[in-house]
Amino acid sequence: MDNKRSMKVFLLLSLIYVSCSSLQAQMSIPRFEKGERVVFVGNSITHAGHYHSFVWLYYMTRFPDKPVTIMNAGIGGESAWDIKDRLDYDVFNRKPTYVALTFGMNDTGYDIYMKDNAKELSERQVAKSLESYQEIEQRLLAKNKVTKVLIGGSPYDETSRFNNFILHGKNNVILKIIDAQRASARKNGWGFVDFNLPMREISEREQEKDSTFTFCRVDRIHPDNDGQMVMAYLFLKAQGLAGNEVSSVSIDARNSAVVTSKNCKISKLKKNGTDLTFDYLANALPYPLDSVPRHGWGNKRSQRDAMQLVPFMEEFNQERLQVTDLEEGMYRLTIGDLFIDNLSSKELADGVNLAIYPNTPQYQQAAKIMYLNEERFEVEKRFREYLWTECSFLKKEGLLFADNQQAVDKLKEYLPKDIFLKASYDWYIKAMHPEIREVWGDYIKKIVETIYKINRPVTQKVRLTKIE
């Protein structure tokens, strides 16, 4: 590295660390606007992770009339020097209007922390990463119509006691890269969100109750789906979306009057003795939470499990129904033809969050969106497996995108020695054919079109019947 480049790297590393808590760790990042094309760029935590998919699910359900497109551009095992080489064909060729970039886990190395000169080796790793990032930064600056956000990556867990193998000091080295990312974002007027500090704080809090708690149950590196949902929560929070309710309804039963109706329309309000009915049309759907541990790193924890860790329901998923001045007693709540719950007049006067009920018609509508989005995620991941194979093996052999028998033969040489390639090889054999990639792409397009056809809320008949 020449002296000029060394000085640039030194200046990045020397910038004052401005974050001392998870609240200060965030800088405001722009929301996605209608028609936005968002690319999340990163390593395996993005490649096989759900956080960007969970973010899109929020936009699909909360803003049904403002479609956006979110694309995965993560490749497992990559560092900043790998990412800079694929910006054109994997990021810019997708015509993004918004790019969210994260790197650092692989950049900071692994086996070096078991060596006597770990400090010196880790400093070299950071310098190499930031030298490559300077090229990425310049490439991004040239895209002056693209919104840029940098993400401080999730932590390497050094505090959990779920096993004895720990690379001591690795996360502190990751923090040096995050400091440089934060400084770059401030200098360029870009957005920045830190996953590392808030997730460490949550882990340490939970480890006081259970010393084996971790987001990364396989290898201390890759968050399972609960961690991925926490990452989505942090991203949405940085976008300023906390407090943005699904809807809020307050009804005065005694006077048959709508007191408030936020993000929804209430009509045909009728009182018949002690019973109450009205039509409810919201502008958004509740956010559905998957209780199945799907295809995450570890497959032990689900998206819903994250609700025990962050106040997502309180901040992002409030579908509030309040009915005051009902005659004292118990009431049967039905929406459409579905029984929802038996609630006391006091509970109704205090207000209930309908988003906690997976049996409401609007939640079931949202669940269809969730399952379709999960199917989209799974098909998109086939493309990522294909591109991982191209970039991890064929690129260094001069066979990038050759997609021919020579490429297949070369992969067969690697197969006996690489367990990850064994898992991805079949996807490459299929995806090397452009006709198959075209079919997969058309399928994704059809799924997204279907989501934005069926994600509009419909009018529901709400009924409260007094239980004698």
Protein backbone atom coordinates (compact mmCIF):
# COMPACT_ATOMS: atom_id res chain seq x y z
CA MET A 1 0.00 0.00 0.00
CA ASP A 2 1.53 3.39 -0.95
CA ASN A 3 1.90 6.28 1.55
CA LYS A 4 -1.02 8.26 0.14
CA ARG A 5 -3.41 5.35 0.49
CA SER A 6 -2.02 4.51 3.93
CA MET A 7 -2.75 8.05 5.11
CA LYS A 8 -6.35 7.84 3.84
CA VAL A 9 -6.87 4.59 5.69
CA PHE A 10 -5.28 6.04 8.84
CA LEU A 11 -7.60 9.04 8.74
CA LEU A 12 -10.62 6.78 8.46
CA LEU A 13 -9.44 4.72 11.42
CA SER A 14 -8.61 7.81 13.46
CA LEU A 15 -12.05 9.42 13.29
CA ILE A 16 -13.63 9.87 16.70
CA TYR A 17 -16.08 7.16 17.74
CA VAL A 18 -19.31 9.10 18.24
CA SER A 19 -21.56 6.32 19.47
CA CYS A 20 -21.78 5.34 23.11
CA SER A 21 -25.26 3.80 23.15
CA SER A 22 -27.61 2.08 20.75
CA LEU A 23 -29.64 5.28 20.38
CA GLN A 24 -26.61 7.31 19.37
CA ALA A 25 -25.47 4.51 17.08
CA GLN A 26 -28.12 5.37 14.51
CA MET A 27 -28.31 8.11 11.94
CA SER A 28 -31.57 8.84 10.17
CA ILE A 29 -31.95 6.87 6.97
CA PRO A 30 -34.49 7.62 4.24
CA ARG A 31 -37.72 5.67 3.92
CA PHE A 32 -38.45 3.84 0.70
CA GLU A 33 -40.67 5.79 -1.65
CA LYS A 34 -43.17 4.39 -4.14
CA GLY A 35 -41.38 2.72 -7.04
CA GLU A 36 -38.07 2.50 -5.16
CA ARG A 37 -35.60 -0.17 -6.29
CA VAL A 38 -33.55 -1.16 -3.23
CA VAL A 39 -30.46 -3.38 -3.29
CA PHE A 40 -29.04 -4.79 -0.05
CA VAL A 41 -25.34 -5.56 -0.60
CA GLY A 42 -23.37 -7.73 1.80
CA ASN A 43 -21.92 -11.08 2.73
CA SER A 44 -23.52 -14.38 3.82
CA ILE A 45 -25.58 -12.67 6.52
CA THR A 46 -27.33 -10.87 3.65
CA HIS A 47 -27.01 -13.71 1.12
CA ALA A 48 -28.96 -16.27 3.19
CA GLY A 49 -30.48 -13.88 5.71
CA HIS A 50 -34.06 -12.72 6.01
CA TYR A 51 -33.67 -9.18 7.33
CA HIS A 52 -34.21 -7.48 3.96
CA SER A 53 -37.15 -9.80 3.24
CA PHE A 54 -38.69 -8.92 6.64
CA VAL A 55 -38.25 -5.22 5.82
CA TRP A 56 -40.03 -5.69 2.50
CA LEU A 57 -42.87 -7.54 4.23
CA TYR A 58 -43.40 -4.43 6.36
CA TYR A 59 -43.67 -2.23 3.27
CA MET A 60 -45.94 -4.77 1.55
CA THR A 61 -48.42 -4.71 4.42
CA ARG A 62 -48.09 -1.16 5.74
CA PHE A 63 -47.99 0.66 2.42
CA PRO A 64 -50.04 -1.54 0.07
CA ASP A 65 -50.52 1.23 -2.49
CA LYS A 66 -46.82 2.18 -2.64
CA PRO A 67 -45.04 -0.80 -4.18
CA VAL A 68 -41.27 -1.05 -3.87
CA THR A 69 -38.76 -3.65 -5.02
CA ILE A 70 -36.11 -5.02 -2.66
CA MET A 71 -33.26 -7.13 -4.04
CA ASN A 72 -30.69 -9.35 -2.33
CA ALA A 73 -27.08 -8.74 -3.39
CA GLY A 74 -25.32 -10.68 -0.66
CA ILE A 75 -22.67 -13.31 -1.38
CA GLY A 76 -21.35 -15.62 1.31
CA GLY A 77 -17.72 -15.27 2.33
CA GLU A 78 -17.18 -11.88 0.73
CA SER A 79 -15.29 -8.84 2.00
CA ALA A 80 -15.09 -5.28 0.70
CA TRP A 81 -12.44 -6.26 -1.87
CA ASP A 82 -14.82 -8.84 -3.35
CA ILE A 83 -17.83 -6.55 -3.31
CA LYS A 84 -16.06 -3.80 -5.26
CA ASP A 85 -15.41 -6.24 -8.12
CA ARG A 86 -19.08 -7.14 -8.61
CA LEU A 87 -20.71 -3.72 -8.25
CA ASP A 88 -21.44 -3.41 -11.95
CA TYR A 89 -23.06 -6.75 -12.73
CA ASP A 90 -24.66 -7.45 -9.34
CA VAL A 91 -25.67 -3.98 -8.11
CA PHE A 92 -25.64 -1.18 -10.65
CA ASN A 93 -27.00 -3.31 -13.51
CA ARG A 94 -30.17 -3.75 -11.47
CA LYS A 95 -30.82 -0.01 -11.77
CA PRO A 96 -31.17 0.68 -8.05
CA THR A 97 -32.50 3.93 -6.65
CA TYR A 98 -31.36 2.96 -3.13
CA VAL A 99 -28.31 0.93 -2.06
CA ALA A 100 -27.76 -0.41 1.47
CA LEU A 101 -24.22 -1.75 1.96
CA THR A 102 -22.69 -3.78 4.78
CA PHE A 103 -19.32 -5.50 5.13
CA GLY A 104 -16.85 -6.32 7.89
CA MET A 105 -17.41 -9.84 9.24
CA ASN A 106 -15.15 -11.57 6.71
CA ASP A 107 -12.90 -8.55 6.24
CA THR A 108 -11.64 -8.88 9.81
CA GLY A 109 -10.43 -12.47 9.36
CA TYR A 110 -10.80 -15.59 11.52
CA ASP A 111 -7.76 -17.76 12.24
CA ILE A 112 -5.56 -14.70 12.87
CA TYR A 113 -7.11 -14.32 16.35
CA MET A 114 -5.47 -17.56 17.42
CA LYS A 115 -1.97 -16.25 16.61
CA ASP A 116 0.48 -14.34 18.78
CA ASN A 117 0.57 -11.34 16.43
CA ALA A 118 -3.24 -11.11 16.13
CA LYS A 119 -3.25 -7.34 16.69
CA GLU A 120 -0.85 -6.66 13.83
CA LEU A 121 -2.65 -9.08 11.50
CA SER A 122 -6.07 -7.65 12.30
CA GLU A 123 -4.83 -4.10 11.59
CA ARG A 124 -3.68 -5.27 8.17
CA GLN A 125 -7.09 -6.80 7.53
CA VAL A 126 -8.85 -3.56 8.43
CA ALA A 127 -6.51 -1.49 6.29
CA LYS A 128 -7.08 -3.80 3.33
CA SER A 129 -10.85 -3.60 3.81
CA LEU A 130 -10.91 0.19 4.03
CA GLU A 131 -8.62 0.56 1.03
CA SER A 132 -11.15 -1.44 -0.99
CA TYR A 133 -14.01 0.53 0.53
CA GLN A 134 -12.47 3.77 -0.73
CA GLU A 135 -12.96 2.47 -4.27
CA ILE A 136 -16.54 1.43 -3.44
CA GLU A 137 -17.16 4.86 -1.94
CA GLN A 138 -16.01 6.61 -5.10
CA ARG A 139 -18.16 4.35 -7.25
CA LEU A 140 -21.19 5.11 -5.09
CA LEU A 141 -20.47 8.85 -5.14
CA ALA A 142 -20.58 8.73 -8.93
CA LYS A 143 -24.18 7.45 -8.70
CA ASN A 144 -25.52 10.81 -7.57
CA LYS A 145 -29.18 9.87 -8.05
CA VAL A 146 -28.92 6.79 -5.84
CA THR A 147 -29.70 6.96 -2.11
CA LYS A 148 -26.89 5.37 -0.10
CA VAL A 149 -27.08 3.75 3.34
CA LEU A 150 -24.24 2.03 5.18
CA ILE A 151 -25.02 -0.70 7.70
CA GLY A 152 -22.72 -1.50 10.61
CA GLY A 153 -22.91 -5.29 10.54
CA SER A 154 -24.25 -7.63 13.19
CA PRO A 155 -21.77 -8.65 15.91
CA TYR A 156 -19.47 -11.60 16.27
CA ASP A 157 -20.75 -13.02 19.58
CA GLU A 158 -17.88 -13.26 22.06
CA THR A 159 -20.00 -13.29 25.23
CA SER A 160 -22.32 -16.29 24.91
CA ARG A 161 -21.29 -19.50 26.66
CA PHE A 162 -23.09 -21.87 24.30
CA ASN A 163 -19.73 -23.42 23.38
CA ASN A 164 -16.09 -22.88 24.24
CA PHE A 165 -14.72 -21.76 20.87
CA ILE A 166 -14.38 -17.96 20.70
CA LEU A 167 -12.24 -15.72 18.51
CA HIS A 168 -11.42 -13.22 21.23
CA GLY A 169 -11.15 -9.63 20.05
CA LYS A 170 -12.74 -10.12 16.63
CA ASN A 171 -15.78 -7.94 17.28
CA ASN A 172 -13.61 -5.05 18.48
CA VAL A 173 -11.87 -5.18 15.12
CA ILE A 174 -15.26 -5.20 13.35
CA LEU A 175 -16.06 -2.02 15.30
CA LYS A 176 -13.09 -0.28 13.65
CA ILE A 177 -14.68 -0.89 10.27
CA ILE A 178 -18.05 0.27 11.57
CA ASP A 179 -16.43 3.48 12.84
CA ALA A 180 -15.08 4.11 9.34
CA GLN A 181 -18.48 3.37 7.79
CA ARG A 182 -20.15 5.82 10.15
CA ALA A 183 -17.57 8.49 9.38
CA SER A 184 -17.98 7.94 5.64
CA ALA A 185 -21.75 8.27 5.93
CA ARG A 186 -21.43 11.54 7.85
CA LYS A 187 -18.86 12.94 5.40
CA ASN A 188 -20.98 12.10 2.35
CA GLY A 189 -24.40 12.86 3.79
CA TRP A 190 -25.47 9.21 3.51
CA GLY A 191 -27.59 7.22 5.91
CA PHE A 192 -26.10 4.92 8.52
CA VAL A 193 -27.62 2.28 10.80
CA ASP A 194 -25.69 0.18 13.29
CA PHE A 195 -26.79 -3.40 13.97
CA ASN A 196 -23.76 -4.27 16.07
CA LEU A 197 -24.16 -2.28 19.28
CA PRO A 198 -27.92 -2.76 19.77
CA MET A 199 -27.65 -6.50 19.14
CA ARG A 200 -24.76 -6.79 21.60
CA GLU A 201 -26.79 -4.95 24.21
CA ILE A 202 -29.73 -7.32 23.70
CA SER A 203 -27.45 -10.35 23.87
CA GLU A 204 -25.76 -9.22 27.07
CA ARG A 205 -29.13 -8.47 28.66
CA GLU A 206 -30.45 -11.91 27.74
CA GLN A 207 -27.23 -13.61 28.82
CA GLU A 208 -27.78 -12.33 32.34
CA LYS A 209 -30.77 -14.70 32.41
CA ASP A 210 -29.31 -17.45 30.22
CA SER A 211 -25.56 -17.48 29.70
CA THR A 212 -25.97 -19.54 26.50
CA PHE A 213 -28.25 -17.04 24.75
CA THR A 214 -27.00 -15.99 21.34
CA PHE A 215 -28.41 -14.80 18.03
CA CYS A 216 -25.81 -16.96 16.28
CA ARG A 217 -26.36 -20.53 17.42
CA VAL A 218 -24.23 -22.19 14.76
CA ASP A 219 -20.97 -20.27 14.66
CA ARG A 220 -21.21 -16.95 16.57
CA ILE A 221 -21.37 -15.25 13.14
CA HIS A 222 -24.73 -15.80 11.44
CA PRO A 223 -27.91 -14.58 13.19
CA ASP A 224 -30.85 -17.00 13.16
CA ASN A 225 -34.29 -15.70 12.17
CA ASP A 226 -34.91 -13.99 15.51
CA GLY A 227 -31.71 -12.00 14.98
CA GLN A 228 -32.65 -11.29 11.38
CA MET A 229 -35.96 -9.85 12.58
CA VAL A 230 -34.14 -7.70 15.13
CA MET A 231 -32.01 -6.40 12.25
CA ALA A 232 -35.17 -5.58 10.28
CA TYR A 233 -36.56 -3.82 13.37
CA LEU A 234 -33.40 -1.70 13.69
CA PHE A 235 -33.49 -0.78 10.01
CA LEU A 236 -37.16 0.24 10.11
CA LYS A 237 -36.59 2.17 13.33
CA ALA A 238 -33.74 4.08 11.72
CA GLN A 239 -36.16 4.94 8.91
CA GLY A 240 -38.33 6.70 11.50
CA LEU A 241 -41.24 4.29 11.12
CA ALA A 242 -41.75 3.51 14.82
CA GLY A 243 -45.15 4.74 15.96
CA ASN A 244 -46.62 4.39 12.49
CA GLU A 245 -49.80 2.50 13.41
CA VAL A 246 -51.66 -0.01 11.28
CA SER A 247 -54.78 1.86 12.38
CA SER A 248 -56.40 3.31 15.48
CA VAL A 249 -60.14 3.41 16.23
CA SER A 250 -61.89 4.89 19.23
CA ILE A 251 -65.67 4.66 19.55
CA ASP A 252 -68.00 6.18 22.14
CA ALA A 253 -70.62 3.43 22.52
CA ARG A 254 -73.05 5.48 24.60
CA ASN A 255 -73.35 8.18 21.95
CA SER A 256 -72.75 5.89 18.94
CA ALA A 257 -69.96 8.19 17.84
CA VAL A 258 -66.56 7.68 16.24
CA VAL A 259 -64.10 9.62 18.38
CA THR A 260 -60.98 8.90 16.31
CA SER A 261 -60.18 6.85 13.22
CA LYS A 262 -56.54 6.98 12.14
CA ASN A 263 -55.40 5.32 8.91
CA CYS A 264 -58.82 3.75 8.47
CA LYS A 265 -62.46 4.51 7.73
CA ILE A 266 -65.37 3.64 10.04
CA SER A 267 -68.90 3.58 8.64
CA LYS A 268 -72.37 2.18 9.35
CA LEU A 269 -71.89 2.46 13.11
CA LYS A 270 -75.01 1.08 14.80
CA LYS A 271 -75.99 0.37 18.37
CA ASN A 272 -78.72 -2.19 19.01
CA GLY A 273 -79.35 -2.44 22.72
CA THR A 274 -76.02 -3.43 24.22
CA ASP A 275 -74.61 -4.65 20.88
CA LEU A 276 -72.47 -2.59 18.53
CA THR A 277 -71.61 -3.05 14.84
CA PHE A 278 -69.63 -1.04 12.33
CA ASP A 279 -67.76 -1.39 9.04
CA TYR A 280 -63.99 -1.08 9.27
CA LEU A 281 -61.72 -0.35 6.31
CA ALA A 282 -58.05 0.10 7.20
CA ASN A 283 -55.40 1.55 4.91
CA ALA A 284 -52.88 -1.09 6.00
CA LEU A 285 -52.66 -4.69 7.15
CA PRO A 286 -51.13 -5.91 10.42
CA TYR A 287 -47.58 -7.21 10.19
CA PRO A 288 -47.66 -11.04 10.16
CA LEU A 289 -45.05 -12.92 12.17
CA ASP A 290 -43.87 -16.35 11.13
CA SER A 291 -43.67 -18.84 13.99
CA VAL A 292 -41.78 -21.44 11.93
CA PRO A 293 -37.93 -21.43 12.14
CA ARG A 294 -37.44 -21.32 8.36
CA HIS A 295 -34.15 -21.80 6.57
CA GLY A 296 -32.18 -19.50 8.81
CA TRP A 297 -28.72 -19.92 10.23
CA GLY A 298 -29.46 -22.65 12.77
CA ASN A 299 -33.15 -23.11 12.05
CA LYS A 300 -33.92 -22.98 15.76
CA ARG A 301 -35.57 -19.61 16.23
CA SER A 302 -38.38 -17.97 14.30
CA GLN A 303 -39.23 -14.43 13.28
CA ARG A 304 -41.90 -14.35 16.02
CA ASP A 305 -39.30 -15.22 18.69
CA ALA A 306 -37.80 -11.76 18.18
CA MET A 307 -40.89 -10.25 19.81
CA GLN A 308 -39.44 -11.34 23.16
CA LEU A 309 -36.35 -9.25 22.47
CA VAL A 310 -37.48 -5.94 20.93
CA PRO A 311 -40.68 -3.85 21.28
CA PHE A 312 -41.69 -4.38 17.67
CA MET A 313 -45.37 -4.97 18.49
CA GLU A 314 -45.59 -1.81 20.58
CA GLU A 315 -43.72 0.38 18.11
CA PHE A 316 -44.61 -1.03 14.69
CA ASN A 317 -47.64 -3.29 14.89
CA GLN A 318 -50.51 -1.51 16.60
CA GLU A 319 -54.00 -2.08 15.21
CA ARG A 320 -55.81 -0.42 18.06
CA LEU A 321 -59.53 -0.80 18.84
CA GLN A 322 -61.01 1.14 21.75
CA VAL A 323 -64.69 1.21 22.68
CA THR A 324 -65.69 3.30 25.69
CA ASP A 325 -68.93 3.61 27.70
CA LEU A 326 -70.15 0.09 27.01
CA GLU A 327 -72.49 -1.43 29.54
CA GLU A 328 -70.33 -3.33 32.02
CA GLY A 329 -69.79 -6.98 31.20
CA MET A 330 -68.21 -9.37 28.70
CA TYR A 331 -68.46 -8.95 24.93
CA ARG A 332 -67.96 -11.33 22.05
CA LEU A 333 -65.85 -9.76 19.29
CA THR A 334 -66.36 -11.02 15.76
CA ILE A 335 -64.88 -9.66 12.55
CA GLY A 336 -66.60 -10.85 9.41
CA ASP A 337 -67.80 -14.34 10.28
CA LEU A 338 -64.85 -15.09 12.53
CA PHE A 339 -64.89 -15.20 16.31
CA ILE A 340 -61.88 -13.27 17.61
CA ASP A 341 -62.13 -13.12 21.42
CA ASN A 342 -64.29 -12.53 24.46
CA LEU A 343 -63.34 -9.18 25.99
CA SER A 344 -64.49 -7.29 29.03
CA SER A 345 -65.90 -3.78 28.78
CA LYS A 346 -62.83 -2.61 30.73
CA GLU A 347 -60.43 -4.23 28.26
CA LEU A 348 -62.29 -2.59 25.39
CA ALA A 349 -62.28 0.77 27.14
CA ASP A 350 -58.53 0.49 27.67
CA GLY A 351 -58.10 -0.56 24.05
CA VAL A 352 -56.93 -3.82 22.46
CA ASN A 353 -54.33 -4.44 19.77
CA LEU A 354 -56.02 -6.48 17.04
CA ALA A 355 -52.62 -7.21 15.47
CA ILE A 356 -51.91 -9.78 18.20
CA TYR A 357 -54.78 -11.95 16.93
CA PRO A 358 -53.74 -14.23 14.03
CA ASN A 359 -57.40 -15.22 13.54
CA THR A 360 -58.66 -11.84 12.27
CA PRO A 361 -59.52 -11.71 8.56
CA GLN A 362 -57.02 -8.90 8.04
CA TYR A 363 -54.21 -10.86 9.71
CA GLN A 364 -55.03 -13.92 7.63
CA GLN A 365 -54.88 -11.74 4.52
CA ALA A 366 -51.47 -10.50 5.67
CA ALA A 367 -50.32 -14.08 6.31
CA LYS A 368 -50.88 -14.88 2.63
CA ILE A 369 -48.56 -11.98 1.81
CA MET A 370 -46.00 -13.41 4.23
CA TYR A 371 -46.08 -16.87 2.65
CA LEU A 372 -45.84 -15.46 -0.87
CA ASN A 373 -42.93 -13.27 0.20
CA GLU A 374 -41.22 -16.31 1.71
CA GLU A 375 -41.65 -18.17 -1.58
CA ARG A 376 -40.14 -15.19 -3.40
CA PHE A 377 -37.22 -15.22 -0.95
CA GLU A 378 -36.56 -18.91 -1.58
CA VAL A 379 -36.52 -18.51 -5.36
CA GLU A 380 -34.33 -15.40 -5.14
CA LYS A 381 -31.87 -17.38 -3.00
CA ARG A 382 -31.35 -19.78 -5.91
CA PHE A 383 -29.87 -16.86 -7.85
CA ARG A 384 -27.61 -16.06 -4.90
CA GLU A 385 -26.36 -19.66 -4.73
CA TYR A 386 -25.61 -19.53 -8.45
CA LEU A 387 -23.75 -16.24 -8.16
CA TRP A 388 -21.88 -17.43 -5.04
CA THR A 389 -20.60 -20.38 -7.04
CA GLU A 390 -19.56 -18.11 -9.90
CA CYS A 391 -17.74 -15.62 -7.66
CA SER A 392 -16.22 -18.07 -5.17
CA PHE A 393 -14.85 -20.66 -7.60
CA LEU A 394 -15.20 -19.88 -11.29
CA LYS A 395 -14.06 -16.26 -11.20
CA LYS A 396 -10.53 -17.16 -10.05
CA GLU A 397 -10.38 -19.84 -12.76
CA GLY A 398 -11.17 -17.31 -15.50
CA LEU A 399 -14.56 -18.95 -16.03
CA LEU A 400 -16.90 -16.30 -14.60
CA PHE A 401 -20.28 -16.71 -16.32
CA ALA A 402 -18.82 -19.23 -18.78
CA ASP A 403 -21.69 -21.55 -17.81
CA ASN A 404 -20.33 -24.42 -19.89
CA GLN A 405 -18.96 -27.92 -19.47
CA GLN A 406 -15.50 -26.60 -18.68
CA ALA A 407 -16.97 -24.68 -15.72
CA VAL A 408 -18.85 -27.78 -14.55
CA ASP A 409 -15.70 -29.89 -14.76
CA LYS A 410 -13.76 -27.32 -12.75
CA LEU A 411 -16.44 -27.30 -10.04
CA LYS A 412 -16.25 -31.09 -9.84
CA GLU A 413 -12.60 -30.72 -8.84
CA TYR A 414 -13.64 -28.57 -5.88
CA LEU A 415 -16.67 -30.67 -4.84
CA PRO A 416 -14.89 -33.28 -2.66
CA LYS A 417 -13.11 -30.53 -0.71
CA ASP A 418 -15.87 -27.97 -0.10
CA ILE A 419 -19.05 -28.76 1.87
CA PHE A 420 -20.63 -25.43 0.94
CA LEU A 421 -20.21 -26.10 -2.75
CA LYS A 422 -21.90 -29.47 -2.27
CA ALA A 423 -24.97 -27.60 -1.02
CA SER A 424 -24.99 -25.11 -3.92
CA TYR A 425 -23.77 -27.24 -6.80
CA ASP A 426 -27.21 -28.43 -7.87
CA TRP A 427 -28.49 -24.87 -8.06
CA TYR A 428 -25.55 -23.94 -10.26
CA ILE A 429 -26.19 -26.89 -12.61
CA LYS A 430 -29.74 -25.60 -13.08
CA ALA A 431 -29.06 -21.88 -13.09
CA MET A 432 -26.22 -22.07 -15.58
CA HIS A 433 -28.95 -22.34 -18.22
CA PRO A 434 -30.37 -18.87 -19.04
CA GLU A 435 -33.79 -20.33 -19.83
CA ILE A 436 -34.08 -21.60 -16.26
CA ARG A 437 -32.96 -18.28 -14.79
CA GLU A 438 -35.55 -16.56 -16.97
CA VAL A 439 -38.32 -18.83 -15.66
CA TRP A 440 -37.24 -18.20 -12.07
CA GLY A 441 -37.15 -14.46 -12.70
CA ASP A 442 -40.63 -14.53 -14.23
CA TYR A 443 -41.86 -16.52 -11.23
CA ILE A 444 -40.52 -13.92 -8.80
CA LYS A 445 -42.13 -11.17 -10.86
CA LYS A 446 -45.46 -13.03 -10.78
CA ILE A 447 -45.26 -13.49 -7.01
CA VAL A 448 -44.61 -9.79 -6.42
CA GLU A 449 -47.42 -8.82 -8.81
CA THR A 450 -49.78 -11.13 -6.93
CA ILE A 451 -48.74 -9.68 -3.57
CA TYR A 452 -49.52 -6.17 -4.72
CA LYS A 453 -52.89 -7.33 -6.07
CA ILE A 454 -54.05 -9.00 -2.87
CA ASN A 455 -52.49 -6.75 -0.23
CA ARG A 456 -55.19 -4.06 -0.30
CA PRO A 457 -57.30 -4.15 2.88
CA VAL A 458 -61.02 -4.81 2.44
CA THR A 459 -64.00 -3.65 4.47
CA GLN A 460 -64.70 -5.83 7.51
CA LYS A 461 -67.88 -6.00 9.57
CA VAL A 462 -66.99 -5.69 13.26
CA ARG A 463 -69.50 -6.81 15.87
CA LEU A 464 -69.49 -6.62 19.66
CA THR A 465 -72.20 -8.75 21.26
CA LYS A 466 -72.81 -8.68 24.99
CA ILE A 467 -72.51 -12.10 26.58
CA GLU A 468 -75.43 -12.66 28.97
